[in-house]
Amino acid sequence: MTPIALGRYRAAGRRARVRHAVDQRRGARQALDEGAAAARATARKPLRLLTAMASYRKSLTRQGFSDSDIASLSDDLVNSLVSLGGPADVVERADRLREAGADDVHLTVLGEGTQPTGAAAARLLAAEFG
């Protein structure tokens, strides 16, 4: 769920005076690469699998993405769903999700080739989170 969609969901609940019985936990995928094209290429691999599922496509449609965005994994869709860039970009995205109403944000770092993953990515992100 994008930060915008999460914010709308939480706002609708507040307007309807609905109490959220469960915490809002959001996953955030990252591709730690300053090169936008390389980061998007890494991000598109798991998104291809996810967008093959009807439930995921329906969710993306409800969030405002067009059938064309979903089928082509457009730059707009990838940029909205995956944090691209360096550790500071990941922290900024996690902060936006929390500001939009996420109680917890768990990070999934995507990577291939020389892009940091595992312990290397954890060290980079820990330094940025402080």
Protein backbone atom coordinates (compact mmCIF):
# COMPACT_ATOMS: atom_id res chain seq x y z
CA MET A 1 0.00 0.00 0.00
CA THR A 2 1.37 3.40 -0.92
CA PRO A 3 1.65 6.11 1.77
CA ILE A 4 -1.14 8.04 0.04
CA ALA A 5 -3.49 5.05 0.00
CA LEU A 6 -2.69 4.25 3.65
CA GLY A 7 -3.41 7.85 4.64
CA ARG A 8 -6.76 7.76 2.83
CA TYR A 9 -7.66 4.46 4.53
CA ARG A 10 -6.85 5.85 7.97
CA ALA A 11 -8.66 9.15 7.26
CA ALA A 12 -11.79 7.30 6.11
CA GLY A 13 -11.78 5.33 9.34
CA ARG A 14 -11.46 8.52 11.39
CA ARG A 15 -14.32 10.18 9.48
CA ALA A 16 -16.51 7.14 10.09
CA ARG A 17 -15.29 7.01 13.69
CA VAL A 18 -14.15 3.46 13.13
CA ARG A 19 -11.66 2.20 15.65
CA HIS A 20 -8.88 0.18 14.06
CA ALA A 21 -8.89 -3.10 15.93
CA VAL A 22 -5.55 -4.12 14.49
CA ASP A 23 -2.31 -2.26 14.07
CA GLN A 24 -1.43 -1.11 10.60
CA ARG A 25 1.74 -2.95 9.68
CA ARG A 26 3.19 -2.11 6.31
CA GLY A 27 5.95 -3.73 4.38
CA ALA A 28 8.25 -1.55 2.40
CA ARG A 29 10.49 -2.86 -0.34
CA GLN A 30 13.76 -1.12 -1.14
CA ALA A 31 16.32 -1.28 -3.89
CA LEU A 32 19.47 0.34 -2.55
CA ASP A 33 20.92 1.77 -5.72
CA GLU A 34 21.44 5.42 -6.63
CA GLY A 35 20.94 4.52 -10.30
CA ALA A 36 17.18 4.78 -10.89
CA ALA A 37 17.11 2.44 -13.90
CA ALA A 38 19.04 -0.31 -12.09
CA ALA A 39 16.95 0.09 -8.94
CA ARG A 40 13.69 -0.13 -10.93
CA ALA A 41 14.92 -3.21 -12.80
CA THR A 42 15.60 -4.92 -9.46
CA ALA A 43 12.21 -3.83 -8.10
CA ARG A 44 10.28 -5.08 -11.13
CA LYS A 45 11.30 -8.72 -10.61
CA PRO A 46 9.20 -9.38 -7.48
CA LEU A 47 6.49 -7.02 -8.71
CA ARG A 48 6.03 -9.21 -11.80
CA LEU A 49 5.23 -12.13 -9.53
CA LEU A 50 2.91 -10.09 -7.32
CA THR A 51 1.01 -8.50 -10.19
CA ALA A 52 0.30 -11.96 -11.60
CA MET A 53 -2.09 -12.42 -8.64
CA ALA A 54 -5.62 -11.10 -9.17
CA SER A 55 -5.90 -9.89 -5.57
CA TYR A 56 -2.77 -7.78 -5.90
CA ARG A 57 -3.92 -6.29 -9.21
CA LYS A 58 -7.29 -5.41 -7.63
CA SER A 59 -5.53 -3.73 -4.72
CA LEU A 60 -3.38 -1.68 -7.09
CA THR A 61 -6.46 -0.68 -9.08
CA ARG A 62 -8.17 0.47 -5.87
CA GLN A 63 -5.07 2.55 -5.14
CA GLY A 64 -5.51 4.36 -8.44
CA PHE A 65 -3.15 2.56 -10.80
CA SER A 66 -4.38 1.91 -14.33
CA ASP A 67 -4.42 -1.50 -16.01
CA SER A 68 -1.63 -0.17 -18.24
CA ASP A 69 0.49 0.84 -15.21
CA ILE A 70 0.05 -2.62 -13.74
CA ALA A 71 0.67 -4.56 -16.96
CA SER A 72 3.80 -2.60 -17.86
CA LEU A 73 5.03 -2.10 -14.29
CA SER A 74 5.29 1.59 -15.11
CA ASP A 75 7.92 3.80 -13.54
CA ASP A 76 5.13 5.54 -11.60
CA LEU A 77 3.91 2.26 -10.14
CA VAL A 78 7.42 1.08 -9.24
CA ASN A 79 8.33 4.46 -7.72
CA SER A 80 5.15 4.37 -5.62
CA LEU A 81 5.61 0.84 -4.30
CA VAL A 82 9.38 0.55 -3.82
CA SER A 83 11.87 2.88 -2.18
CA LEU A 84 14.62 3.51 -4.70
CA GLY A 85 17.95 5.12 -3.96
CA GLY A 86 20.20 5.26 -0.96
CA PRO A 87 19.59 4.67 2.73
CA ALA A 88 18.32 8.25 3.28
CA ASP A 89 15.62 7.62 0.66
CA VAL A 90 14.55 4.44 2.47
CA VAL A 91 14.33 6.23 5.81
CA GLU A 92 12.29 9.03 4.22
CA ARG A 93 9.86 6.49 2.73
CA ALA A 94 9.50 4.64 6.05
CA ASP A 95 8.80 7.98 7.77
CA ARG A 96 6.10 8.77 5.16
CA LEU A 97 4.43 5.41 5.83
CA ARG A 98 4.44 6.07 9.59
CA GLU A 99 3.11 9.61 9.07
CA ALA A 100 0.33 8.13 6.91
CA GLY A 101 -0.73 5.88 9.78
CA ALA A 102 1.42 2.75 9.75
CA ASP A 103 2.11 1.56 13.28
CA ASP A 104 5.02 -0.59 12.15
CA VAL A 105 7.03 -0.64 8.93
CA HIS A 106 9.11 -3.69 8.06
CA LEU A 107 11.76 -3.37 5.41
CA THR A 108 12.54 -5.88 2.67
CA VAL A 109 15.70 -5.03 0.79
CA LEU A 110 15.81 -6.19 -2.82
CA GLY A 111 19.09 -6.50 -4.60
CA GLU A 112 21.17 -8.12 -7.24
CA GLY A 113 24.70 -7.80 -8.49
CA THR A 114 26.53 -5.16 -6.48
CA GLN A 115 23.42 -3.79 -4.74
CA PRO A 116 23.73 -4.27 -0.98
CA THR A 117 21.51 -6.86 0.69
CA GLY A 118 21.58 -8.76 3.97
CA ALA A 119 24.02 -7.59 6.61
CA ALA A 120 25.57 -4.97 4.31
CA ALA A 121 22.18 -3.35 3.70
CA ALA A 122 21.31 -3.60 7.40
CA ARG A 123 24.50 -1.75 8.35
CA LEU A 124 23.79 1.02 5.82
CA LEU A 125 20.19 1.41 6.98
CA ALA A 126 21.07 1.25 10.69
CA ALA A 127 23.55 4.08 10.23
CA GLU A 128 20.87 6.18 8.53
CA PHE A 129 18.12 5.38 11.03
CA GLY A 130 20.53 6.31 13.80
